[in-house]
Amino acid sequence: DDGDTTYRYSFALSFAAINLVYATMEEIGWRGYVQDALRP
């Protein structure tokens, strides 16, 4: 829901896609680099 149930499915697709990109950008640092860098 984004306040308008008419677009709840297209909103979910757009919101999820954007946040998947955002989250992956963030995780390339924390998990993609730091988690390996601190492995010892």
Full PDB file with SEQRES, HELIX, SHEET, SSBOND, CRYST1, ORIGX, SCALE, CONECT and MASTER records, all heavy atoms in Angstrom:
SEQRES   1 A   40  ASP ASP GLY ASP THR THR TYR ARG TYR SER PHE ALA LEU          
SEQRES   2 A   40  SER PHE ALA ALA ILE ASN LEU VAL TYR ALA THR MET GLU          
SEQRES   3 A   40  GLU ILE GLY TRP ARG GLY TYR VAL GLN ASP ALA LEU ARG          
SEQRES   4 A   40  PRO                                                          
HELIX    1 AA1 THR A    5  TYR A    7  5                                   3    
HELIX    2 AA2 ARG A    8  GLY A   29  1                                  22    
HELIX    3 AA3 TRP A   30  VAL A   34  3                                   5    
HELIX    4 AA4 GLN A   35  ALA A   37  1                                   3    
CRYST1    1.000    1.000    1.000  90.00  90.00  90.00 P 1           1          
ORIGX1      1.000000  0.000000  0.000000        0.00000                         
ORIGX2      0.000000  1.000000  0.000000        0.00000                         
ORIGX3      0.000000  0.000000  1.000000        0.00000                         
SCALE1      1.000000  0.000000  0.000000        0.00000                         
SCALE2      0.000000  1.000000  0.000000        0.00000                         
SCALE3      0.000000  0.000000  1.000000        0.00000                         
ATOM      1  N   ASP A   1       0.821  -1.210   0.000  1.00  0.00           N  
ATOM      2  CA  ASP A   1       0.000   0.000   0.000  1.00  0.00           C  
ATOM      3  C   ASP A   1       0.854   1.260   0.000  1.00  0.00           C  
ATOM      4  O   ASP A   1       1.804   1.380   0.773  1.00  0.00           O  
ATOM      5  CB  ASP A   1      -0.918   0.028   1.224  1.00  0.00           C  
ATOM      6  CG  ASP A   1      -1.972  -1.071   1.168  1.00  0.00           C  
ATOM      7  OD1 ASP A   1      -2.322  -1.476   0.046  1.00  0.00           O  
ATOM      8  OD2 ASP A   1      -2.426  -1.519   2.241  1.00  0.00           O  
ATOM      9  N   ASP A   2       0.482   2.199  -0.860  1.00  0.00           N  
ATOM     10  CA  ASP A   2       1.143   3.500  -0.883  1.00  0.00           C  
ATOM     11  C   ASP A   2       0.131   4.623  -0.676  1.00  0.00           C  
ATOM     12  O   ASP A   2       0.388   5.769  -0.994  1.00  0.00           O  
ATOM     13  CB  ASP A   2       1.869   3.707  -2.208  1.00  0.00           C  
ATOM     14  CG  ASP A   2       0.908   3.820  -3.380  1.00  0.00           C  
ATOM     15  OD1 ASP A   2      -0.198   3.257  -3.298  1.00  0.00           O  
ATOM     16  OD2 ASP A   2       1.271   4.476  -4.380  1.00  0.00           O  
ATOM     17  N   GLY A   3      -1.027   4.263  -0.120  1.00  0.00           N  
ATOM     18  CA  GLY A   3      -2.094   5.241   0.078  1.00  0.00           C  
ATOM     19  C   GLY A   3      -3.134   5.183  -1.021  1.00  0.00           C  
ATOM     20  O   GLY A   3      -4.217   5.741  -0.900  1.00  0.00           O  
ATOM     21  N   ASP A   4      -2.825   4.498  -2.121  1.00  0.00           N  
ATOM     22  CA  ASP A   4      -3.753   4.338  -3.234  1.00  0.00           C  
ATOM     23  C   ASP A   4      -3.716   2.875  -3.663  1.00  0.00           C  
ATOM     24  O   ASP A   4      -2.779   2.434  -4.314  1.00  0.00           O  
ATOM     25  CB  ASP A   4      -3.345   5.246  -4.401  1.00  0.00           C  
ATOM     26  CG  ASP A   4      -4.379   5.233  -5.534  1.00  0.00           C  
ATOM     27  OD1 ASP A   4      -5.251   4.340  -5.540  1.00  0.00           O  
ATOM     28  OD2 ASP A   4      -4.292   6.108  -6.409  1.00  0.00           O  
ATOM     29  N   THR A   5      -4.752   2.133  -3.278  1.00  0.00           N  
ATOM     30  CA  THR A   5      -4.770   0.697  -3.539  1.00  0.00           C  
ATOM     31  C   THR A   5      -4.808   0.353  -5.026  1.00  0.00           C  
ATOM     32  O   THR A   5      -4.527  -0.780  -5.410  1.00  0.00           O  
ATOM     33  CB  THR A   5      -5.971   0.039  -2.842  1.00  0.00           C  
ATOM     34  OG1 THR A   5      -7.176   0.685  -3.282  1.00  0.00           O  
ATOM     35  CG2 THR A   5      -5.866   0.177  -1.329  1.00  0.00           C  
ATOM     36  N   THR A   6      -5.127   1.317  -5.871  1.00  0.00           N  
ATOM     37  CA  THR A   6      -5.196   1.073  -7.310  1.00  0.00           C  
ATOM     38  C   THR A   6      -3.837   0.664  -7.866  1.00  0.00           C  
ATOM     39  O   THR A   6      -3.753  -0.151  -8.795  1.00  0.00           O  
ATOM     40  CB  THR A   6      -5.680   2.337  -8.054  1.00  0.00           C  
ATOM     41  OG1 THR A   6      -6.926   2.756  -7.500  1.00  0.00           O  
ATOM     42  CG2 THR A   6      -5.859   2.059  -9.541  1.00  0.00           C  
ATOM     43  N   TYR A   7      -2.790   1.227  -7.303  1.00  0.00           N  
ATOM     44  CA  TYR A   7      -1.444   0.998  -7.829  1.00  0.00           C  
ATOM     45  C   TYR A   7      -0.576   0.194  -6.863  1.00  0.00           C  
ATOM     46  O   TYR A   7       0.645   0.270  -6.938  1.00  0.00           O  
ATOM     47  CB  TYR A   7      -0.775   2.347  -8.134  1.00  0.00           C  
ATOM     48  CG  TYR A   7      -1.526   3.177  -9.138  1.00  0.00           C  
ATOM     49  CD1 TYR A   7      -2.286   4.270  -8.725  1.00  0.00           C  
ATOM     50  CD2 TYR A   7      -1.486   2.867 -10.484  1.00  0.00           C  
ATOM     51  CE1 TYR A   7      -2.992   5.038  -9.643  1.00  0.00           C  
ATOM     52  CE2 TYR A   7      -2.187   3.626 -11.411  1.00  0.00           C  
ATOM     53  CZ  TYR A   7      -2.944   4.707 -10.981  1.00  0.00           C  
ATOM     54  OH  TYR A   7      -3.639   5.459 -11.896  1.00  0.00           O  
ATOM     55  N   ARG A   8      -1.197  -0.569  -5.974  1.00  0.00           N  
ATOM     56  CA  ARG A   8      -0.427  -1.245  -4.934  1.00  0.00           C  
ATOM     57  C   ARG A   8       0.558  -2.268  -5.497  1.00  0.00           C  
ATOM     58  O   ARG A   8       1.613  -2.498  -4.925  1.00  0.00           O  
ATOM     59  CB  ARG A   8      -1.354  -1.903  -3.910  1.00  0.00           C  
ATOM     60  CG  ARG A   8      -2.205  -3.032  -4.443  1.00  0.00           C  
ATOM     61  CD  ARG A   8      -3.336  -3.357  -3.451  1.00  0.00           C  
ATOM     62  NE  ARG A   8      -2.856  -3.503  -2.087  1.00  0.00           N  
ATOM     63  CZ  ARG A   8      -2.526  -4.669  -1.539  1.00  0.00           C  
ATOM     64  NH1 ARG A   8      -2.617  -5.766  -2.266  1.00  0.00           N  
ATOM     65  NH2 ARG A   8      -2.102  -4.728  -0.302  1.00  0.00           N  
ATOM     66  N   TYR A   9       0.237  -2.868  -6.662  1.00  0.00           N  
ATOM     67  CA  TYR A   9       1.126  -3.887  -7.239  1.00  0.00           C  
ATOM     68  C   TYR A   9       2.282  -3.245  -8.002  1.00  0.00           C  
ATOM     69  O   TYR A   9       3.440  -3.661  -7.852  1.00  0.00           O  
ATOM     70  CB  TYR A   9       0.334  -4.823  -8.151  1.00  0.00           C  
ATOM     71  CG  TYR A   9      -0.825  -5.473  -7.442  1.00  0.00           C  
ATOM     72  CD1 TYR A   9      -2.130  -5.065  -7.678  1.00  0.00           C  
ATOM     73  CD2 TYR A   9      -0.606  -6.483  -6.496  1.00  0.00           C  
ATOM     74  CE1 TYR A   9      -3.198  -5.639  -7.008  1.00  0.00           C  
ATOM     75  CE2 TYR A   9      -1.672  -7.070  -5.816  1.00  0.00           C  
ATOM     76  CZ  TYR A   9      -2.970  -6.639  -6.074  1.00  0.00           C  
ATOM     77  OH  TYR A   9      -4.013  -7.206  -5.394  1.00  0.00           O  
ATOM     78  N   SER A  10       1.990  -2.237  -8.799  1.00  0.00           N  
ATOM     79  CA  SER A  10       3.060  -1.556  -9.530  1.00  0.00           C  
ATOM     80  C   SER A  10       3.947  -0.775  -8.569  1.00  0.00           C  
ATOM     81  O   SER A  10       5.170  -0.684  -8.766  1.00  0.00           O  
ATOM     82  CB  SER A  10       2.480  -0.609 -10.586  1.00  0.00           C  
ATOM     83  OG  SER A  10       1.619   0.357 -10.002  1.00  0.00           O  
ATOM     84  N   PHE A  11       3.347  -0.232  -7.503  1.00  0.00           N  
ATOM     85  CA  PHE A  11       4.147   0.468  -6.496  1.00  0.00           C  
ATOM     86  C   PHE A  11       5.085  -0.510  -5.799  1.00  0.00           C  
ATOM     87  O   PHE A  11       6.254  -0.209  -5.573  1.00  0.00           O  
ATOM     88  CB  PHE A  11       3.250   1.151  -5.458  1.00  0.00           C  
ATOM     89  CG  PHE A  11       4.025   1.756  -4.321  1.00  0.00           C  
ATOM     90  CD1 PHE A  11       4.710   2.948  -4.488  1.00  0.00           C  
ATOM     91  CD2 PHE A  11       4.079   1.123  -3.090  1.00  0.00           C  
ATOM     92  CE1 PHE A  11       5.449   3.504  -3.443  1.00  0.00           C  
ATOM     93  CE2 PHE A  11       4.809   1.665  -2.038  1.00  0.00           C  
ATOM     94  CZ  PHE A  11       5.495   2.855  -2.218  1.00  0.00           C  
ATOM     95  N   ALA A  12       4.574  -1.690  -5.455  1.00  0.00           N  
ATOM     96  CA  ALA A  12       5.404  -2.698  -4.788  1.00  0.00           C  
ATOM     97  C   ALA A  12       6.572  -3.098  -5.670  1.00  0.00           C  
ATOM     98  O   ALA A  12       7.712  -3.241  -5.197  1.00  0.00           O  
ATOM     99  CB  ALA A  12       4.560  -3.923  -4.449  1.00  0.00           C  
ATOM    100  N   LEU A  13       6.326  -3.281  -6.968  1.00  0.00           N  
ATOM    101  CA  LEU A  13       7.393  -3.638  -7.907  1.00  0.00           C  
ATOM    102  C   LEU A  13       8.461  -2.554  -7.959  1.00  0.00           C  
ATOM    103  O   LEU A  13       9.661  -2.840  -7.845  1.00  0.00           O  
ATOM    104  CB  LEU A  13       6.804  -3.874  -9.296  1.00  0.00           C  
ATOM    105  CG  LEU A  13       7.817  -4.126 -10.417  1.00  0.00           C  
ATOM    106  CD1 LEU A  13       8.636  -5.380 -10.138  1.00  0.00           C  
ATOM    107  CD2 LEU A  13       7.090  -4.249 -11.766  1.00  0.00           C  
ATOM    108  N   SER A  14       8.027  -1.299  -8.115  1.00  0.00           N  
ATOM    109  CA  SER A  14       8.981  -0.184  -8.217  1.00  0.00           C  
ATOM    110  C   SER A  14       9.742   0.006  -6.916  1.00  0.00           C  
ATOM    111  O   SER A  14      10.972   0.167  -6.918  1.00  0.00           O  
ATOM    112  CB  SER A  14       8.235   1.109  -8.569  1.00  0.00           C  
ATOM    113  OG  SER A  14       7.556   0.983  -9.792  1.00  0.00           O  
ATOM    114  N   PHE A  15       9.015  -0.022  -5.799  1.00  0.00           N  
ATOM    115  CA  PHE A  15       9.634   0.203  -4.496  1.00  0.00           C  
ATOM    116  C   PHE A  15      10.635  -0.898  -4.173  1.00  0.00           C  
ATOM    117  O   PHE A  15      11.751  -0.637  -3.703  1.00  0.00           O  
ATOM    118  CB  PHE A  15       8.547   0.272  -3.426  1.00  0.00           C  
ATOM    119  CG  PHE A  15       9.056   0.633  -2.059  1.00  0.00           C  
ATOM    120  CD1 PHE A  15       9.362   1.953  -1.757  1.00  0.00           C  
ATOM    121  CD2 PHE A  15       9.223  -0.323  -1.070  1.00  0.00           C  
ATOM    122  CE1 PHE A  15       9.839   2.306  -0.492  1.00  0.00           C  
ATOM    123  CE2 PHE A  15       9.692   0.007   0.179  1.00  0.00           C  
ATOM    124  CZ  PHE A  15      10.003   1.326   0.471  1.00  0.00           C  
ATOM    125  N   ALA A  16      10.247  -2.145  -4.436  1.00  0.00           N  
ATOM    126  CA  ALA A  16      11.136  -3.273  -4.149  1.00  0.00           C  
ATOM    127  C   ALA A  16      12.375  -3.238  -5.048  1.00  0.00           C  
ATOM    128  O   ALA A  16      13.493  -3.495  -4.583  1.00  0.00           O  
ATOM    129  CB  ALA A  16      10.388  -4.588  -4.320  1.00  0.00           C  
ATOM    130  N   ALA A  17      12.187  -2.931  -6.321  1.00  0.00           N  
ATOM    131  CA  ALA A  17      13.312  -2.907  -7.259  1.00  0.00           C  
ATOM    132  C   ALA A  17      14.329  -1.832  -6.869  1.00  0.00           C  
ATOM    133  O   ALA A  17      15.544  -2.076  -6.862  1.00  0.00           O  
ATOM    134  CB  ALA A  17      12.803  -2.664  -8.674  1.00  0.00           C  
ATOM    135  N   ILE A  18      13.831  -0.649  -6.549  1.00  0.00           N  
ATOM    136  CA  ILE A  18      14.725   0.449  -6.165  1.00  0.00           C  
ATOM    137  C   ILE A  18      15.483   0.108  -4.889  1.00  0.00           C  
ATOM    138  O   ILE A  18      16.687   0.343  -4.778  1.00  0.00           O  
ATOM    139  CB  ILE A  18      13.920   1.756  -5.991  1.00  0.00           C  
ATOM    140  CG1 ILE A  18      13.492   2.273  -7.367  1.00  0.00           C  
ATOM    141  CG2 ILE A  18      14.728   2.813  -5.252  1.00  0.00           C  
ATOM    142  CD1 ILE A  18      12.524   3.423  -7.317  1.00  0.00           C  
ATOM    143  N   ASN A  19      14.785  -0.492  -3.935  1.00  0.00           N  
ATOM    144  CA  ASN A  19      15.433  -0.806  -2.669  1.00  0.00           C  
ATOM    145  C   ASN A  19      16.354  -2.020  -2.766  1.00  0.00           C  
ATOM    146  O   ASN A  19      17.302  -2.137  -1.981  1.00  0.00           O  
ATOM    147  CB  ASN A  19      14.386  -1.005  -1.573  1.00  0.00           C  
ATOM    148  CG  ASN A  19      13.916   0.324  -1.006  1.00  0.00           C  
ATOM    149  OD1 ASN A  19      14.627   0.970  -0.249  1.00  0.00           O  
ATOM    150  ND2 ASN A  19      12.727   0.743  -1.415  1.00  0.00           N  
ATOM    151  N   LEU A  20      16.102  -2.908  -3.705  1.00  0.00           N  
ATOM    152  CA  LEU A  20      17.029  -4.006  -3.929  1.00  0.00           C  
ATOM    153  C   LEU A  20      18.354  -3.465  -4.466  1.00  0.00           C  
ATOM    154  O   LEU A  20      19.438  -3.903  -4.042  1.00  0.00           O  
ATOM    155  CB  LEU A  20      16.439  -5.029  -4.905  1.00  0.00           C  
ATOM    156  CG  LEU A  20      17.342  -6.221  -5.254  1.00  0.00           C  
ATOM    157  CD1 LEU A  20      17.731  -7.001  -3.993  1.00  0.00           C  
ATOM    158  CD2 LEU A  20      16.652  -7.139  -6.257  1.00  0.00           C  
ATOM    159  N   VAL A  21      18.269  -2.510  -5.377  1.00  0.00           N  
ATOM    160  CA  VAL A  21      19.482  -1.873  -5.905  1.00  0.00           C  
ATOM    161  C   VAL A  21      20.205  -1.128  -4.785  1.00  0.00           C  
ATOM    162  O   VAL A  21      21.425  -1.258  -4.607  1.00  0.00           O  
ATOM    163  CB  VAL A  21      19.146  -0.910  -7.063  1.00  0.00           C  
ATOM    164  CG1 VAL A  21      20.390  -0.113  -7.476  1.00  0.00           C  
ATOM    165  CG2 VAL A  21      18.582  -1.678  -8.251  1.00  0.00           C  
ATOM    166  N   TYR A  22      19.429  -0.347  -4.005  1.00  0.00           N  
ATOM    167  CA  TYR A  22      20.032   0.404  -2.898  1.00  0.00           C  
ATOM    168  C   TYR A  22      20.719  -0.532  -1.897  1.00  0.00           C  
ATOM    169  O   TYR A  22      21.862  -0.309  -1.503  1.00  0.00           O  
ATOM    170  CB  TYR A  22      18.965   1.224  -2.169  1.00  0.00           C  
ATOM    171  CG  TYR A  22      19.394   1.611  -0.769  1.00  0.00           C  
ATOM    172  CD1 TYR A  22      20.302   2.656  -0.569  1.00  0.00           C  
ATOM    173  CD2 TYR A  22      18.942   0.895   0.344  1.00  0.00           C  
ATOM    174  CE1 TYR A  22      20.727   2.979   0.707  1.00  0.00           C  
ATOM    175  CE2 TYR A  22      19.373   1.212   1.615  1.00  0.00           C  
ATOM    176  CZ  TYR A  22      20.265   2.259   1.795  1.00  0.00           C  
ATOM    177  OH  TYR A  22      20.703   2.569   3.053  1.00  0.00           O  
ATOM    178  N   ALA A  23      19.996  -1.571  -1.487  1.00  0.00           N  
ATOM    179  CA  ALA A  23      20.529  -2.490  -0.478  1.00  0.00           C  
ATOM    180  C   ALA A  23      21.786  -3.198  -0.977  1.00  0.00           C  
ATOM    181  O   ALA A  23      22.742  -3.395  -0.221  1.00  0.00           O  
ATOM    182  CB  ALA A  23      19.464  -3.518  -0.090  1.00  0.00           C  
ATOM    183  N   THR A  24      21.802  -3.557  -2.255  1.00  0.00           N  
ATOM    184  CA  THR A  24      22.983  -4.224  -2.815  1.00  0.00           C  
ATOM    185  C   THR A  24      24.168  -3.268  -2.868  1.00  0.00           C  
ATOM    186  O   THR A  24      25.309  -3.658  -2.597  1.00  0.00           O  
ATOM    187  CB  THR A  24      22.674  -4.772  -4.221  1.00  0.00           C  
ATOM    188  OG1 THR A  24      21.544  -5.656  -4.149  1.00  0.00           O  
ATOM    189  CG2 THR A  24      23.859  -5.533  -4.781  1.00  0.00           C  
ATOM    190  N   MET A  25      23.914  -2.013  -3.190  1.00  0.00           N  
ATOM    191  CA  MET A  25      24.971  -1.003  -3.178  1.00  0.00           C  
ATOM    192  C   MET A  25      25.567  -0.872  -1.782  1.00  0.00           C  
ATOM    193  O   MET A  25      26.778  -0.726  -1.618  1.00  0.00           O  
ATOM    194  CB  MET A  25      24.423   0.351  -3.637  1.00  0.00           C  
ATOM    195  CG  MET A  25      24.127   0.438  -5.119  1.00  0.00           C  
ATOM    196  SD  MET A  25      23.164   1.914  -5.559  1.00  0.00           S  
ATOM    197  CE  MET A  25      24.200   3.224  -4.936  1.00  0.00           C  
ATOM    198  N   GLU A  26      24.710  -0.922  -0.772  1.00  0.00           N  
ATOM    199  CA  GLU A  26      25.202  -0.818   0.605  1.00  0.00           C  
ATOM    200  C   GLU A  26      25.964  -2.079   1.003  1.00  0.00           C  
ATOM    201  O   GLU A  26      27.018  -2.011   1.639  1.00  0.00           O  
ATOM    202  CB  GLU A  26      24.030  -0.593   1.565  1.00  0.00           C  
ATOM    203  CG  GLU A  26      24.470  -0.297   2.976  1.00  0.00           C  
ATOM    204  CD  GLU A  26      23.315   0.010   3.915  1.00  0.00           C  
ATOM    205  OE1 GLU A  26      22.304   0.601   3.473  1.00  0.00           O  
ATOM    206  OE2 GLU A  26      23.425  -0.365   5.093  1.00  0.00           O  
ATOM    207  N   GLU A  27      25.442  -3.236   0.610  1.00  0.00           N  
ATOM    208  CA  GLU A  27      26.036  -4.503   1.043  1.00  0.00           C  
ATOM    209  C   GLU A  27      27.353  -4.833   0.348  1.00  0.00           C  
ATOM    210  O   GLU A  27      28.133  -5.634   0.855  1.00  0.00           O  
ATOM    211  CB  GLU A  27      25.041  -5.646   0.838  1.00  0.00           C  
ATOM    212  CG  GLU A  27      23.807  -5.570   1.732  1.00  0.00           C  
ATOM    213  CD  GLU A  27      24.135  -5.564   3.213  1.00  0.00           C  
ATOM    214  OE1 GLU A  27      25.248  -6.005   3.580  1.00  0.00           O  
ATOM    215  OE2 GLU A  27      23.293  -5.120   4.002  1.00  0.00           O  
ATOM    216  N   ILE A  28      27.613  -4.245  -0.806  1.00  0.00           N  
ATOM    217  CA  ILE A  28      28.912  -4.490  -1.442  1.00  0.00           C  
ATOM    218  C   ILE A  28      30.039  -3.976  -0.546  1.00  0.00           C  
ATOM    219  O   ILE A  28      31.162  -4.482  -0.574  1.00  0.00           O  
ATOM    220  CB  ILE A  28      29.003  -3.846  -2.845  1.00  0.00           C  
ATOM    221  CG1 ILE A  28      30.263  -4.339  -3.573  1.00  0.00           C  
ATOM    222  CG2 ILE A  28      29.011  -2.344  -2.760  1.00  0.00           C  
ATOM    223  CD1 ILE A  28      30.398  -3.809  -4.988  1.00  0.00           C  
ATOM    224  N   GLY A  29      29.711  -2.972   0.287  1.00  0.00           N  
ATOM    225  CA  GLY A  29      30.695  -2.478   1.230  1.00  0.00           C  
ATOM    226  C   GLY A  29      30.790  -3.326   2.479  1.00  0.00           C  
ATOM    227  O   GLY A  29      31.855  -3.861   2.803  1.00  0.00           O  
ATOM    228  N   TRP A  30      29.673  -3.477   3.181  1.00  0.00           N  
ATOM    229  CA  TRP A  30      29.693  -4.171   4.475  1.00  0.00           C  
ATOM    230  C   TRP A  30      30.008  -5.657   4.335  1.00  0.00           C  
ATOM    231  O   TRP A  30      30.793  -6.204   5.094  1.00  0.00           O  
ATOM    232  CB  TRP A  30      28.354  -3.986   5.189  1.00  0.00           C  
ATOM    233  CG  TRP A  30      28.042  -2.560   5.451  1.00  0.00           C  
ATOM    234  CD1 TRP A  30      26.978  -1.851   4.983  1.00  0.00           C  
ATOM    235  CD2 TRP A  30      28.812  -1.639   6.240  1.00  0.00           C  
ATOM    236  NE1 TRP A  30      27.041  -0.547   5.420  1.00  0.00           N  
ATOM    237  CE2 TRP A  30      28.155  -0.398   6.189  1.00  0.00           C  
ATOM    238  CE3 TRP A  30      30.000  -1.755   6.969  1.00  0.00           C  
ATOM    239  CZ2 TRP A  30      28.644   0.728   6.853  1.00  0.00           C  
ATOM    240  CZ3 TRP A  30      30.490  -0.640   7.628  1.00  0.00           C  
ATOM    241  CH2 TRP A  30      29.809   0.583   7.568  1.00  0.00           C  
ATOM    242  N   ARG A  31      29.368  -6.312   3.389  1.00  0.00           N  
ATOM    243  CA  ARG A  31      29.611  -7.744   3.225  1.00  0.00           C  
ATOM    244  C   ARG A  31      30.633  -8.021   2.123  1.00  0.00           C  
ATOM    245  O   ARG A  31      31.491  -8.886   2.253  1.00  0.00           O  
ATOM    246  CB  ARG A  31      28.290  -8.451   2.908  1.00  0.00           C  
ATOM    247  CG  ARG A  31      27.659  -9.172   4.056  1.00  0.00           C  
ATOM    248  CD  ARG A  31      27.536  -8.402   5.367  1.00  0.00           C  
ATOM    249  NE  ARG A  31      26.586  -7.300   5.352  1.00  0.00           N  
ATOM    250  CZ  ARG A  31      26.193  -6.643   6.443  1.00  0.00           C  
ATOM    251  NH1 ARG A  31      26.686  -6.953   7.631  1.00  0.00           N  
ATOM    252  NH2 ARG A  31      25.334  -5.652   6.352  1.00  0.00           N  
ATOM    253  N   GLY A  32      30.569  -7.287   1.016  1.00  0.00           N  
ATOM    254  CA  GLY A  32      31.475  -7.540  -0.097  1.00  0.00           C  
ATOM    255  C   GLY A  32      32.918  -7.184   0.195  1.00  0.00           C  
ATOM    256  O   GLY A  32      33.835  -7.794  -0.361  1.00  0.00           O  
ATOM    257  N   TYR A  33      33.141  -6.198   1.065  1.00  0.00           N  
ATOM    258  CA  TYR A  33      34.524  -5.853   1.409  1.00  0.00           C  
ATOM    259  C   TYR A  33      34.847  -6.120   2.877  1.00  0.00           C  
ATOM    260  O   TYR A  33      35.739  -6.905   3.196  1.00  0.00           O  
ATOM    261  CB  TYR A  33      34.834  -4.388   1.087  1.00  0.00           C  
ATOM    262  CG  TYR A  33      36.226  -4.005   1.550  1.00  0.00           C  
ATOM    263  CD1 TYR A  33      37.353  -4.527   0.915  1.00  0.00           C  
ATOM    264  CD2 TYR A  33      36.415  -3.181   2.663  1.00  0.00           C  
ATOM    265  CE1 TYR A  33      38.638  -4.222   1.360  1.00  0.00           C  
ATOM    266  CE2 TYR A  33      37.691  -2.875   3.120  1.00  0.00           C  
ATOM    267  CZ  TYR A  33      38.800  -3.394   2.463  1.00  0.00           C  
ATOM    268  OH  TYR A  33      40.068  -3.115   2.914  1.00  0.00           O  
ATOM    269  N   VAL A  34      34.124  -5.472   3.797  1.00  0.00           N  
ATOM    270  CA  VAL A  34      34.513  -5.507   5.210  1.00  0.00           C  
ATOM    271  C   VAL A  34      34.456  -6.915   5.797  1.00  0.00           C  
ATOM    272  O   VAL A  34      35.332  -7.316   6.564  1.00  0.00           O  
ATOM    273  CB  VAL A  34      33.637  -4.540   6.036  1.00  0.00           C  
ATOM    274  CG1 VAL A  34      34.045  -4.584   7.500  1.00  0.00           C  
ATOM    275  CG2 VAL A  34      33.753  -3.121   5.509  1.00  0.00           C  
ATOM    276  N   GLN A  35      33.430  -7.684   5.439  1.00  0.00           N  
ATOM    277  CA  GLN A  35      33.311  -9.029   6.016  1.00  0.00           C  
ATOM    278  C   GLN A  35      34.504  -9.910   5.646  1.00  0.00           C  
ATOM    279  O   GLN A  35      34.974 -10.703   6.466  1.00  0.00           O  
ATOM    280  CB  GLN A  35      31.997  -9.687   5.584  1.00  0.00           C  
ATOM    281  CG  GLN A  35      31.712 -10.988   6.310  1.00  0.00           C  
ATOM    282  CD  GLN A  35      30.238 -11.360   6.317  1.00  0.00           C  
ATOM    283  OE1 GLN A  35      29.369 -10.509   6.499  1.00  0.00           O  
ATOM    284  NE2 GLN A  35      29.940 -12.623   6.100  1.00  0.00           N  
ATOM    285  N   ASP A  36      35.002  -9.775   4.439  1.00  0.00           N  
ATOM    286  CA  ASP A  36      36.206 -10.507   4.044  1.00  0.00           C  
ATOM    287  C   ASP A  36      37.463  -9.881   4.641  1.00  0.00           C  
ATOM    288  O   ASP A  36      38.380 -10.582   5.053  1.00  0.00           O  
ATOM    289  CB  ASP A  36      36.340 -10.543   2.517  1.00  0.00           C  
ATOM    290  CG  ASP A  36      35.687 -11.778   1.903  1.00  0.00           C  
ATOM    291  OD1 ASP A  36      35.484 -12.767   2.626  1.00  0.00           O  
ATOM    292  OD2 ASP A  36      35.393 -11.747   0.694  1.00  0.00           O  
ATOM    293  N   ALA A  37      37.512  -8.552   4.679  1.00  0.00           N  
ATOM    294  CA  ALA A  37      38.704  -7.864   5.186  1.00  0.00           C  
ATOM    295  C   ALA A  37      38.975  -8.204   6.653  1.00  0.00           C  
ATOM    296  O   ALA A  37      40.129  -8.263   7.080  1.00  0.00           O  
ATOM    297  CB  ALA A  37      38.550  -6.352   5.016  1.00  0.00           C  
ATOM    298  N   LEU A  38      37.912  -8.445   7.418  1.00  0.00           N  
ATOM    299  CA  LEU A  38      38.050  -8.746   8.845  1.00  0.00           C  
ATOM    300  C   LEU A  38      38.007 -10.250   9.137  1.00  0.00           C  
ATOM    301  O   LEU A  38      37.918 -10.654  10.292  1.00  0.00           O  
ATOM    302  CB  LEU A  38      36.928  -8.046   9.638  1.00  0.00           C  
ATOM    303  CG  LEU A  38      36.912  -6.517   9.589  1.00  0.00           C  
ATOM    304  CD1 LEU A  38      35.753  -5.986  10.421  1.00  0.00           C  
ATOM    305  CD2 LEU A  38      38.232  -5.930  10.088  1.00  0.00           C  
ATOM    306  N   ARG A  39      38.104 -11.078   8.118  1.00  0.00           N  
ATOM    307  CA  ARG A  39      37.954 -12.519   8.301  1.00  0.00           C  
ATOM    308  C   ARG A  39      38.951 -13.134   9.286  1.00  0.00           C  
ATOM    309  O   ARG A  39      38.620 -14.109   9.963  1.00  0.00           O  
ATOM    310  CB  ARG A  39      38.035 -13.233   6.947  1.00  0.00           C  
ATOM    311  CG  ARG A  39      37.611 -14.697   7.004  1.00  0.00           C  
ATOM    312  CD  ARG A  39      37.412 -15.263   5.625  1.00  0.00           C  
ATOM    313  NE  ARG A  39      36.298 -14.616   4.943  1.00  0.00           N  
ATOM    314  CZ  ARG A  39      35.025 -14.929   5.126  1.00  0.00           C  
ATOM    315  NH1 ARG A  39      34.696 -15.881   5.977  1.00  0.00           N  
ATOM    316  NH2 ARG A  39      34.083 -14.307   4.461  1.00  0.00           N  
ATOM    317  N   PRO A  40      40.173 -12.625   9.413  1.00  0.00           N  
ATOM    318  CA  PRO A  40      41.073 -13.211  10.412  1.00  0.00           C  
ATOM    319  C   PRO A  40      40.545 -13.123  11.846  1.00  0.00           C  
ATOM    320  O   PRO A  40      40.993 -13.862  12.718  1.00  0.00           O  
ATOM    321  CB  PRO A  40      42.358 -12.390  10.243  1.00  0.00           C  
ATOM    322  CG  PRO A  40      42.333 -11.984   8.804  1.00  0.00           C  
ATOM    323  CD  PRO A  40      40.884 -11.686   8.526  1.00  0.00           C  
TER     324      PRO A  40                                                      
MASTER        0    0    0    4    0    0    0    6  323    1    0    4          
END                                                                             
